[in-house]
């Protein structure tokens, strides 16, 4: 069976049929977008109607759109906002002074993909907690090369700290500049 016949058979199986001889004769005169529209559904009730994009939008439509956007308020959550739990709250504390940091272990998540980074973070925090460490540092990178300049790893590590980490973490802060600044977190652990 030829490729054309096989294609027609497969199209017919899903309810698509050629428009007819007139359509076939016009194929040389149409572009790819029109060619895509040269088949119709057997069930005309579901036929697709090609639409032409409009160059202008009326003032009334603009006004309706802007009013709808204003009335949305905060219905769309801010994906970058860190949600803090009221159960066993975790405080975000100011950066400690340069000489005041005595970290135990350090975890560097630079360059990792998100899931492996979060798995390493969880294992690291639990291990440090069970060993009785008081302060650990997690290096996330600043995200300078990420879209919007905010690193995915950094954002998700902070989210993990305040949600899943609340059993182990009592507070956290951005590291002092000498220790990585906004590219690292100091995590203050609870007592075991």
N, C-alpha and C. Protein backbone atom coordinates (compact mmCIF):
# COMPACT_ATOMS: atom_id res chain seq x y z
N UNK A 1 0.86 -1.18 0.00
CA UNK A 1 0.00 0.00 0.00
C UNK A 1 0.90 1.24 0.00
N UNK A 2 0.56 2.21 -0.85
CA UNK A 2 1.37 3.42 -0.95
C UNK A 2 1.21 4.28 0.31
N UNK A 3 2.17 5.17 0.52
CA UNK A 3 2.11 6.05 1.68
C UNK A 3 0.87 6.93 1.65
N UNK A 4 0.51 7.43 0.45
CA UNK A 4 -0.68 8.29 0.34
C UNK A 4 -1.93 7.54 0.73
N UNK A 5 -2.06 6.31 0.24
CA UNK A 5 -3.25 5.51 0.57
C UNK A 5 -3.29 5.20 2.07
N UNK A 6 -2.14 4.86 2.63
CA UNK A 6 -2.06 4.57 4.06
C UNK A 6 -2.45 5.80 4.88
N UNK A 7 -1.96 6.96 4.46
CA UNK A 7 -2.30 8.20 5.15
C UNK A 7 -3.81 8.46 5.08
N UNK A 8 -4.40 8.33 3.88
CA UNK A 8 -5.84 8.55 3.72
C UNK A 8 -6.64 7.58 4.58
N UNK A 9 -6.19 6.30 4.64
CA UNK A 9 -6.87 5.30 5.45
C UNK A 9 -6.82 5.69 6.94
N UNK A 10 -5.66 6.15 7.40
CA UNK A 10 -5.52 6.53 8.81
C UNK A 10 -6.36 7.78 9.12
N UNK A 11 -6.39 8.73 8.21
CA UNK A 11 -7.21 9.93 8.40
C UNK A 11 -8.69 9.57 8.45
N UNK A 12 -9.12 8.67 7.56
CA UNK A 12 -10.53 8.25 7.54
C UNK A 12 -10.89 7.54 8.84
N UNK A 13 -9.94 6.80 9.42
CA UNK A 13 -10.20 6.08 10.66
C UNK A 13 -10.51 7.03 11.82
N UNK A 14 -9.97 8.24 11.77
CA UNK A 14 -10.27 9.20 12.84
C UNK A 14 -11.32 10.22 12.43
N UNK A 15 -11.94 9.98 11.26
CA UNK A 15 -13.06 10.84 10.85
C UNK A 15 -12.70 12.00 9.97
N UNK A 16 -11.49 12.03 9.40
CA UNK A 16 -11.08 13.13 8.54
C UNK A 16 -11.17 12.66 7.09
N UNK A 17 -11.74 13.49 6.23
CA UNK A 17 -11.83 13.13 4.81
C UNK A 17 -11.40 14.31 3.95
N UNK A 18 -10.88 14.03 2.74
CA UNK A 18 -10.50 15.13 1.84
C UNK A 18 -11.72 15.94 1.44
N UNK A 19 -11.51 17.21 1.11
CA UNK A 19 -12.63 18.08 0.74
C UNK A 19 -13.16 17.79 -0.65
N UNK A 20 -12.39 17.25 -1.55
CA UNK A 20 -12.87 16.94 -2.89
C UNK A 20 -11.88 17.37 -3.95
N UNK A 21 -12.26 17.15 -5.22
CA UNK A 21 -11.37 17.43 -6.34
C UNK A 21 -10.96 18.89 -6.42
N UNK A 22 -11.89 19.79 -6.17
CA UNK A 22 -11.59 21.22 -6.24
C UNK A 22 -10.47 21.58 -5.26
N UNK A 23 -10.52 21.00 -4.07
CA UNK A 23 -9.50 21.27 -3.07
C UNK A 23 -8.15 20.74 -3.52
N UNK A 24 -8.14 19.57 -4.16
CA UNK A 24 -6.89 18.97 -4.62
C UNK A 24 -6.25 19.85 -5.69
N UNK A 25 -7.05 20.41 -6.59
CA UNK A 25 -6.53 21.26 -7.66
C UNK A 25 -5.92 22.55 -7.11
N UNK A 26 -6.43 23.04 -5.99
CA UNK A 26 -5.92 24.28 -5.42
C UNK A 26 -4.65 24.09 -4.60
N UNK A 27 -4.25 22.87 -4.30
CA UNK A 27 -3.12 22.62 -3.39
C UNK A 27 -1.85 23.33 -3.80
N UNK A 28 -1.61 23.46 -5.09
CA UNK A 28 -0.39 24.12 -5.54
C UNK A 28 -0.41 25.62 -5.25
N UNK A 29 -1.61 26.18 -5.06
CA UNK A 29 -1.75 27.62 -4.89
C UNK A 29 -1.85 28.06 -3.43
N UNK A 30 -1.77 27.15 -2.47
CA UNK A 30 -1.96 27.53 -1.07
C UNK A 30 -0.70 27.29 -0.26
N UNK A 31 -0.61 28.01 0.86
CA UNK A 31 0.56 27.83 1.72
C UNK A 31 0.31 26.73 2.75
N UNK A 32 1.28 26.47 3.62
CA UNK A 32 1.17 25.38 4.58
C UNK A 32 0.03 25.56 5.57
N UNK A 33 -0.24 26.80 5.99
CA UNK A 33 -1.33 27.04 6.94
C UNK A 33 -2.67 26.68 6.31
N UNK A 34 -2.85 27.07 5.05
CA UNK A 34 -4.10 26.72 4.37
C UNK A 34 -4.17 25.22 4.13
N UNK A 35 -3.03 24.61 3.84
CA UNK A 35 -3.00 23.17 3.60
C UNK A 35 -3.46 22.41 4.84
N UNK A 36 -3.07 22.88 6.00
CA UNK A 36 -3.49 22.24 7.24
C UNK A 36 -5.00 22.28 7.41
N UNK A 37 -5.65 23.27 6.82
CA UNK A 37 -7.10 23.41 6.94
C UNK A 37 -7.84 22.71 5.80
N UNK A 38 -7.14 22.00 4.88
CA UNK A 38 -7.79 21.42 3.71
C UNK A 38 -8.50 20.11 4.00
N UNK A 39 -8.48 19.64 5.24
CA UNK A 39 -9.24 18.47 5.63
C UNK A 39 -10.34 18.90 6.57
N UNK A 40 -11.48 18.23 6.49
CA UNK A 40 -12.58 18.54 7.40
C UNK A 40 -12.94 17.28 8.15
N UNK A 41 -13.61 17.43 9.27
CA UNK A 41 -14.09 16.29 10.02
C UNK A 41 -15.34 15.76 9.35
N UNK A 42 -15.53 14.43 9.39
CA UNK A 42 -16.72 13.81 8.80
C UNK A 42 -17.96 14.34 9.50
N UNK A 43 -17.87 14.57 10.79
CA UNK A 43 -18.99 15.10 11.56
C UNK A 43 -18.87 16.62 11.53
N UNK A 44 -19.65 17.28 10.68
CA UNK A 44 -19.54 18.73 10.49
C UNK A 44 -19.79 19.53 11.77
N UNK A 45 -20.49 18.93 12.72
CA UNK A 45 -20.76 19.63 13.98
C UNK A 45 -19.45 19.99 14.69
N UNK A 46 -18.42 19.18 14.48
CA UNK A 46 -17.13 19.40 15.14
C UNK A 46 -16.08 19.98 14.20
N UNK A 47 -16.51 20.44 13.05
CA UNK A 47 -15.55 20.99 12.08
C UNK A 47 -14.87 22.22 12.68
N UNK A 48 -13.60 22.36 12.41
CA UNK A 48 -12.85 23.51 12.91
C UNK A 48 -12.96 24.65 11.92
N UNK A 49 -13.18 25.82 12.44
CA UNK A 49 -13.29 27.00 11.61
C UNK A 49 -12.01 27.81 11.76
N UNK A 50 -11.30 28.04 10.65
CA UNK A 50 -10.07 28.83 10.77
C UNK A 50 -10.40 30.27 11.14
N UNK A 51 -9.60 30.84 12.01
CA UNK A 51 -9.83 32.23 12.41
C UNK A 51 -8.64 33.07 12.00
N UNK A 52 -8.91 34.29 11.69
CA UNK A 52 -7.86 35.23 11.32
C UNK A 52 -7.56 36.11 12.53
N UNK A 53 -6.30 36.27 12.89
CA UNK A 53 -5.98 37.15 14.02
C UNK A 53 -6.33 38.60 13.69
N UNK A 54 -6.83 39.29 14.70
CA UNK A 54 -7.16 40.70 14.50
C UNK A 54 -5.95 41.54 14.82
N UNK A 55 -5.82 42.63 14.08
CA UNK A 55 -4.70 43.53 14.31
C UNK A 55 -4.98 44.50 15.46
N UNK A 56 -6.25 44.77 15.73
CA UNK A 56 -6.59 45.75 16.75
C UNK A 56 -7.58 45.17 17.75
N UNK A 57 -7.56 45.74 18.92
CA UNK A 57 -8.50 45.38 19.98
C UNK A 57 -9.25 46.65 20.33
N UNK A 58 -10.56 46.53 20.45
CA UNK A 58 -11.37 47.72 20.72
C UNK A 58 -11.09 48.24 22.13
N UNK A 59 -11.39 49.52 22.34
CA UNK A 59 -11.22 50.13 23.66
C UNK A 59 -12.09 49.43 24.69
N UNK A 60 -13.29 49.01 24.28
CA UNK A 60 -14.20 48.33 25.20
C UNK A 60 -13.59 47.00 25.66
N UNK A 61 -12.99 46.24 24.72
CA UNK A 61 -12.36 44.97 25.07
C UNK A 61 -11.16 45.20 25.99
N UNK A 62 -10.37 46.22 25.72
CA UNK A 62 -9.23 46.55 26.58
C UNK A 62 -9.71 46.85 27.99
N UNK A 63 -10.76 47.66 28.08
CA UNK A 63 -11.30 48.05 29.38
C UNK A 63 -11.82 46.83 30.14
N UNK A 64 -12.55 45.94 29.45
CA UNK A 64 -13.06 44.73 30.09
C UNK A 64 -11.91 43.86 30.62
N UNK A 65 -10.88 43.71 29.80
CA UNK A 65 -9.73 42.90 30.20
C UNK A 65 -9.04 43.50 31.43
N UNK A 66 -8.78 44.80 31.39
CA UNK A 66 -8.09 45.45 32.51
C UNK A 66 -8.91 45.38 33.79
N UNK A 67 -10.23 45.56 33.69
CA UNK A 67 -11.09 45.44 34.87
C UNK A 67 -11.07 44.03 35.43
N UNK A 68 -11.10 43.04 34.54
CA UNK A 68 -11.05 41.65 35.00
C UNK A 68 -9.74 41.38 35.72
N UNK A 69 -8.63 41.90 35.20
CA UNK A 69 -7.33 41.70 35.83
C UNK A 69 -7.27 42.38 37.20
N UNK A 70 -7.83 43.59 37.30
CA UNK A 70 -7.84 44.30 38.59
C UNK A 70 -8.68 43.55 39.62
N UNK A 71 -9.79 42.98 39.19
CA UNK A 71 -10.69 42.30 40.11
C UNK A 71 -10.19 40.92 40.53
N UNK A 72 -9.15 40.43 39.87
CA UNK A 72 -8.60 39.13 40.25
C UNK A 72 -7.97 39.17 41.63
N UNK A 73 -7.44 40.32 41.99
CA UNK A 73 -6.80 40.44 43.30
C UNK A 73 -5.66 39.46 43.43
N UNK A 74 -5.66 38.70 44.52
CA UNK A 74 -4.59 37.73 44.78
C UNK A 74 -5.04 36.31 44.53
N UNK A 75 -5.88 36.11 43.53
CA UNK A 75 -6.37 34.75 43.27
C UNK A 75 -5.30 33.86 42.67
N UNK A 76 -4.30 34.43 42.05
CA UNK A 76 -3.19 33.65 41.51
C UNK A 76 -2.05 33.72 42.51
N UNK A 77 -1.66 32.57 43.09
CA UNK A 77 -0.61 32.62 44.11
C UNK A 77 0.74 33.00 43.52
N UNK A 78 1.52 33.68 44.33
CA UNK A 78 2.87 34.07 43.94
C UNK A 78 3.76 32.84 44.11
N UNK A 79 4.25 32.29 43.00
CA UNK A 79 5.02 31.05 43.07
C UNK A 79 6.35 31.22 43.80
N UNK A 80 6.83 32.45 43.91
CA UNK A 80 8.10 32.68 44.58
C UNK A 80 7.95 32.99 46.06
N UNK A 81 6.72 33.15 46.53
CA UNK A 81 6.49 33.49 47.93
C UNK A 81 6.68 32.24 48.79
N UNK A 82 7.43 32.36 49.85
CA UNK A 82 7.65 31.25 50.76
C UNK A 82 6.51 31.20 51.75
N UNK A 83 5.88 30.04 51.86
CA UNK A 83 4.74 29.87 52.76
C UNK A 83 5.28 29.38 54.10
N UNK A 84 4.97 30.12 55.15
CA UNK A 84 5.42 29.72 56.47
C UNK A 84 4.29 29.03 57.22
N UNK A 85 4.63 27.96 57.89
CA UNK A 85 3.64 27.19 58.63
C UNK A 85 3.48 27.77 60.04
N UNK A 86 2.26 27.73 60.57
CA UNK A 86 2.02 28.20 61.94
C UNK A 86 2.32 27.09 62.93
N UNK A 87 2.41 25.87 62.44
CA UNK A 87 2.79 24.71 63.24
C UNK A 87 4.30 24.72 63.36
N UNK A 88 4.85 24.82 64.50
CA UNK A 88 6.30 24.75 64.65
C UNK A 88 6.98 25.78 63.73
N UNK A 89 6.72 27.07 63.91
CA UNK A 89 7.19 28.08 62.97
C UNK A 89 8.71 28.16 62.88
N UNK A 90 9.16 28.52 61.71
CA UNK A 90 10.58 28.71 61.46
C UNK A 90 10.80 30.19 61.23
N UNK A 91 11.75 30.75 61.89
CA UNK A 91 12.02 32.18 61.74
C UNK A 91 13.10 32.40 60.70
N UNK A 92 12.91 33.46 59.93
CA UNK A 92 13.98 33.92 59.06
C UNK A 92 14.69 34.99 59.86
N UNK A 93 15.96 34.81 60.13
CA UNK A 93 16.70 35.77 60.95
C UNK A 93 17.63 36.58 60.07
N UNK A 94 18.02 37.75 60.56
CA UNK A 94 18.95 38.59 59.81
C UNK A 94 20.29 37.89 59.69
N UNK A 95 21.04 38.32 58.70
CA UNK A 95 22.39 37.77 58.52
C UNK A 95 23.20 37.97 59.78
N UNK A 96 23.89 36.93 60.22
CA UNK A 96 24.77 37.12 61.36
C UNK A 96 25.98 37.96 60.96
N UNK A 97 26.61 38.56 61.93
CA UNK A 97 27.81 39.35 61.65
C UNK A 97 28.92 38.43 61.16
N UNK A 98 29.85 39.00 60.43
CA UNK A 98 30.90 38.24 59.75
C UNK A 98 31.60 37.23 60.66
N UNK A 99 31.98 37.62 61.84
CA UNK A 99 32.73 36.73 62.72
C UNK A 99 31.86 35.79 63.53
N UNK A 100 30.55 35.97 63.48
CA UNK A 100 29.65 35.22 64.35
C UNK A 100 29.22 33.87 63.80
N UNK A 101 29.72 33.46 62.64
CA UNK A 101 29.27 32.22 62.02
C UNK A 101 30.23 31.09 62.32
N UNK A 102 29.71 30.07 62.95
CA UNK A 102 30.48 28.85 63.16
C UNK A 102 29.64 27.72 62.63
N UNK A 103 29.84 27.40 61.36
CA UNK A 103 29.05 26.34 60.77
C UNK A 103 29.75 25.01 60.95
N UNK A 104 28.93 24.00 61.05
CA UNK A 104 29.47 22.65 61.09
C UNK A 104 29.72 22.20 59.66
N UNK A 105 28.79 21.45 59.14
CA UNK A 105 28.93 20.89 57.81
C UNK A 105 28.43 21.87 56.74
N UNK A 106 28.91 21.67 55.52
CA UNK A 106 28.50 22.50 54.39
C UNK A 106 28.05 21.57 53.26
N UNK A 107 26.91 21.88 52.67
CA UNK A 107 26.40 21.13 51.51
C UNK A 107 26.37 22.07 50.32
N UNK A 108 27.03 21.67 49.24
CA UNK A 108 27.06 22.49 48.02
C UNK A 108 26.14 21.86 46.98
N UNK A 109 25.08 22.57 46.63
CA UNK A 109 24.10 22.07 45.66
C UNK A 109 24.28 22.71 44.28
N UNK A 110 25.34 23.50 44.12
CA UNK A 110 25.64 24.14 42.84
C UNK A 110 25.53 23.17 41.69
N UNK A 111 24.84 23.53 40.64
CA UNK A 111 24.84 22.77 39.40
C UNK A 111 24.02 21.50 39.40
N UNK A 112 23.38 21.16 40.52
CA UNK A 112 22.56 19.94 40.54
C UNK A 112 21.18 20.23 39.97
N UNK A 113 20.52 19.20 39.53
CA UNK A 113 19.12 19.33 39.12
C UNK A 113 18.28 19.36 40.39
N UNK A 114 17.04 19.81 40.26
CA UNK A 114 16.21 20.08 41.43
C UNK A 114 15.98 18.85 42.31
N UNK A 115 15.49 17.75 41.75
CA UNK A 115 15.15 16.59 42.59
C UNK A 115 16.36 16.02 43.32
N UNK A 116 17.48 15.79 42.63
CA UNK A 116 18.65 15.31 43.38
C UNK A 116 19.11 16.30 44.45
N UNK A 117 18.98 17.59 44.18
CA UNK A 117 19.38 18.61 45.16
C UNK A 117 18.50 18.53 46.40
N UNK A 118 17.20 18.39 46.22
CA UNK A 118 16.29 18.32 47.37
C UNK A 118 16.50 17.03 48.16
N UNK A 119 16.80 15.94 47.47
CA UNK A 119 17.08 14.68 48.16
C UNK A 119 18.34 14.82 49.01
N UNK A 120 19.40 15.40 48.44
CA UNK A 120 20.65 15.61 49.19
C UNK A 120 20.41 16.54 50.38
N UNK A 121 19.62 17.59 50.17
CA UNK A 121 19.32 18.54 51.24
C UNK A 121 18.65 17.82 52.41
N UNK A 122 17.64 17.04 52.13
CA UNK A 122 16.91 16.34 53.19
C UNK A 122 17.84 15.40 53.95
N UNK A 123 18.62 14.61 53.24
CA UNK A 123 19.56 13.69 53.89
C UNK A 123 20.58 14.45 54.74
N UNK A 124 21.08 15.55 54.21
CA UNK A 124 22.08 16.37 54.89
C UNK A 124 21.53 16.95 56.19
N UNK A 125 20.35 17.55 56.12
CA UNK A 125 19.76 18.19 57.30
C UNK A 125 19.43 17.15 58.37
N UNK A 126 18.87 16.02 57.98
CA UNK A 126 18.53 14.99 58.96
C UNK A 126 19.80 14.45 59.63
N UNK A 127 20.84 14.22 58.84
CA UNK A 127 22.10 13.72 59.39
C UNK A 127 22.70 14.73 60.37
N UNK A 128 22.74 16.00 59.97
CA UNK A 128 23.30 17.04 60.85
C UNK A 128 22.48 17.16 62.13
N UNK A 129 21.17 17.07 62.02
CA UNK A 129 20.27 17.14 63.17
C UNK A 129 20.55 15.99 64.14
N UNK A 130 20.64 14.77 63.61
CA UNK A 130 20.87 13.62 64.48
C UNK A 130 22.27 13.63 65.10
N UNK A 131 23.23 14.29 64.43
CA UNK A 131 24.59 14.40 64.98
C UNK A 131 24.71 15.55 65.98
N UNK A 132 23.64 16.33 66.13
CA UNK A 132 23.66 17.41 67.11
C UNK A 132 24.28 18.71 66.61
N UNK A 133 24.48 18.85 65.31
CA UNK A 133 25.01 20.12 64.78
C UNK A 133 24.03 21.24 65.08
N UNK A 134 24.56 22.43 65.33
CA UNK A 134 23.70 23.58 65.62
C UNK A 134 23.46 24.43 64.39
N UNK A 135 24.50 24.62 63.57
CA UNK A 135 24.38 25.45 62.37
C UNK A 135 25.06 24.73 61.21
N UNK A 136 24.36 24.67 60.09
CA UNK A 136 24.96 24.13 58.87
C UNK A 136 24.76 25.14 57.75
N UNK A 137 25.55 24.99 56.70
CA UNK A 137 25.41 25.90 55.56
C UNK A 137 25.05 25.09 54.32
N UNK A 138 24.10 25.63 53.55
CA UNK A 138 23.71 25.02 52.28
C UNK A 138 23.97 26.05 51.18
N UNK A 139 24.86 25.70 50.26
CA UNK A 139 25.20 26.58 49.14
C UNK A 139 24.29 26.22 47.97
N UNK A 140 23.50 27.19 47.54
CA UNK A 140 22.56 26.96 46.44
C UNK A 140 23.02 27.62 45.15
N UNK A 141 23.88 28.60 45.25
CA UNK A 141 24.20 29.44 44.10
C UNK A 141 23.19 30.58 44.06
N UNK A 142 23.54 31.64 43.40
CA UNK A 142 22.68 32.83 43.38
C UNK A 142 21.60 32.77 42.31
N UNK A 143 21.81 31.95 41.30
CA UNK A 143 20.84 31.88 40.22
C UNK A 143 21.01 32.96 39.18
N UNK A 144 22.21 33.52 39.08
CA UNK A 144 22.45 34.59 38.11
C UNK A 144 22.19 34.14 36.68
N UNK A 145 22.35 32.86 36.40
CA UNK A 145 22.17 32.36 35.04
C UNK A 145 20.78 31.79 34.83
N UNK A 146 19.92 31.88 35.83
CA UNK A 146 18.55 31.38 35.72
C UNK A 146 17.64 32.46 35.15
N UNK A 147 16.49 32.02 34.65
CA UNK A 147 15.49 32.98 34.16
C UNK A 147 15.09 33.89 35.30
N UNK A 148 15.07 35.17 35.06
CA UNK A 148 14.66 36.13 36.08
C UNK A 148 15.71 36.39 37.14
N UNK A 149 16.86 35.72 37.06
CA UNK A 149 17.93 35.95 38.03
C UNK A 149 17.68 35.34 39.39
N UNK A 150 16.65 34.51 39.53
CA UNK A 150 16.37 33.84 40.79
C UNK A 150 16.53 32.35 40.55
N UNK A 151 17.45 31.73 41.27
CA UNK A 151 17.72 30.32 41.06
C UNK A 151 16.59 29.43 41.54
N UNK A 152 16.29 28.42 40.76
CA UNK A 152 15.25 27.45 41.12
C UNK A 152 15.67 26.70 42.37
N UNK A 153 16.92 26.28 42.43
CA UNK A 153 17.41 25.53 43.60
C UNK A 153 17.28 26.39 44.85
N UNK A 154 17.69 27.64 44.78
CA UNK A 154 17.62 28.54 45.93
C UNK A 154 16.19 28.67 46.43
N UNK A 155 15.27 28.94 45.51
CA UNK A 155 13.86 29.12 45.88
C UNK A 155 13.29 27.85 46.50
N UNK A 156 13.58 26.71 45.89
CA UNK A 156 13.01 25.45 46.37
C UNK A 156 13.65 24.99 47.67
N UNK A 157 14.93 25.31 47.88
CA UNK A 157 15.57 24.99 49.16
C UNK A 157 14.90 25.78 50.27
N UNK A 158 14.67 27.07 50.04
CA UNK A 158 13.99 27.88 51.06
C UNK A 158 12.59 27.35 51.33
N UNK A 159 11.90 26.95 50.28
CA UNK A 159 10.55 26.38 50.45
C UNK A 159 10.63 25.09 51.27
N UNK A 160 11.61 24.24 51.00
CA UNK A 160 11.76 22.99 51.74
C UNK A 160 12.04 23.28 53.22
N UNK A 161 12.89 24.26 53.49
CA UNK A 161 13.24 24.60 54.87
C UNK A 161 11.99 24.93 55.67
N UNK A 162 11.11 25.77 55.12
CA UNK A 162 9.95 26.24 55.90
C UNK A 162 8.77 25.27 55.86
N UNK A 163 8.81 24.28 55.00
CA UNK A 163 7.70 23.32 54.97
C UNK A 163 8.16 21.98 55.53
N UNK A 164 8.94 21.26 54.79
CA UNK A 164 9.36 19.91 55.19
C UNK A 164 10.43 19.91 56.27
N UNK A 165 11.20 20.97 56.37
CA UNK A 165 12.30 21.01 57.32
C UNK A 165 11.93 21.49 58.71
N UNK A 166 10.69 21.87 58.93
CA UNK A 166 10.33 22.50 60.21
C UNK A 166 10.55 21.61 61.43
N UNK A 167 10.59 20.30 61.25
CA UNK A 167 10.85 19.41 62.38
C UNK A 167 12.30 19.53 62.86
N UNK A 168 13.19 19.90 61.94
CA UNK A 168 14.62 19.93 62.23
C UNK A 168 15.18 21.34 62.36
N UNK A 169 14.54 22.31 61.71
CA UNK A 169 15.08 23.66 61.59
C UNK A 169 14.33 24.62 62.50
N UNK A 170 15.09 25.41 63.29
CA UNK A 170 14.42 26.42 64.12
C UNK A 170 14.47 27.79 63.48
N UNK A 171 15.51 28.06 62.67
CA UNK A 171 15.64 29.35 61.99
C UNK A 171 16.61 29.19 60.83
N UNK A 172 16.58 30.17 59.94
CA UNK A 172 17.54 30.17 58.84
C UNK A 172 17.80 31.60 58.42
N UNK A 173 18.90 31.81 57.72
CA UNK A 173 19.22 33.15 57.22
C UNK A 173 20.04 33.02 55.95
N UNK A 174 20.11 34.13 55.26
CA UNK A 174 21.03 34.21 54.13
C UNK A 174 22.43 34.27 54.74
N UNK A 175 23.38 33.64 54.10
CA UNK A 175 24.74 33.64 54.63
C UNK A 175 25.36 35.03 54.49
N UNK A 176 26.30 35.39 55.37
CA UNK A 176 27.02 36.65 55.19
C UNK A 176 27.75 36.63 53.85
N UNK A 177 28.03 37.80 53.35
CA UNK A 177 28.68 37.93 52.04
C UNK A 177 29.95 37.08 51.95
N UNK A 178 30.74 37.07 53.00
CA UNK A 178 32.00 36.32 52.99
C UNK A 178 31.78 34.81 52.85
N UNK A 179 30.57 34.34 53.15
CA UNK A 179 30.25 32.92 53.08
C UNK A 179 29.34 32.58 51.90
N UNK A 180 29.12 33.53 51.01
CA UNK A 180 28.30 33.24 49.83
C UNK A 180 27.11 34.15 49.67
N UNK A 181 26.81 34.97 50.67
CA UNK A 181 25.70 35.92 50.57
C UNK A 181 24.40 35.24 50.18
N UNK A 182 23.70 35.83 49.21
CA UNK A 182 22.40 35.26 48.84
C UNK A 182 22.53 33.94 48.08
N UNK A 183 23.75 33.47 47.88
CA UNK A 183 23.97 32.18 47.23
C UNK A 183 24.07 31.03 48.22
N UNK A 184 23.82 31.31 49.51
CA UNK A 184 23.90 30.25 50.52
C UNK A 184 22.97 30.57 51.69
N UNK A 185 22.53 29.53 52.37
CA UNK A 185 21.70 29.68 53.57
C UNK A 185 22.45 29.11 54.77
N UNK A 186 22.30 29.79 55.91
CA UNK A 186 22.71 29.21 57.18
C UNK A 186 21.44 28.63 57.79
N UNK A 187 21.51 27.39 58.21
CA UNK A 187 20.34 26.72 58.79
C UNK A 187 20.66 26.42 60.25
N UNK A 188 19.85 26.97 61.14
CA UNK A 188 20.01 26.79 62.58
C UNK A 188 19.09 25.64 62.99
N UNK A 189 19.69 24.56 63.45
CA UNK A 189 18.93 23.34 63.73
C UNK A 189 18.38 23.32 65.15
N UNK A 190 17.28 22.64 65.30
CA UNK A 190 16.69 22.42 66.62
C UNK A 190 17.56 21.41 67.38
N UNK A 191 17.33 21.32 68.68
CA UNK A 191 18.03 20.30 69.46
C UNK A 191 17.32 18.98 69.27
N UNK A 192 18.11 17.92 69.12
CA UNK A 192 17.54 16.58 68.87
C UNK A 192 16.78 16.06 70.07
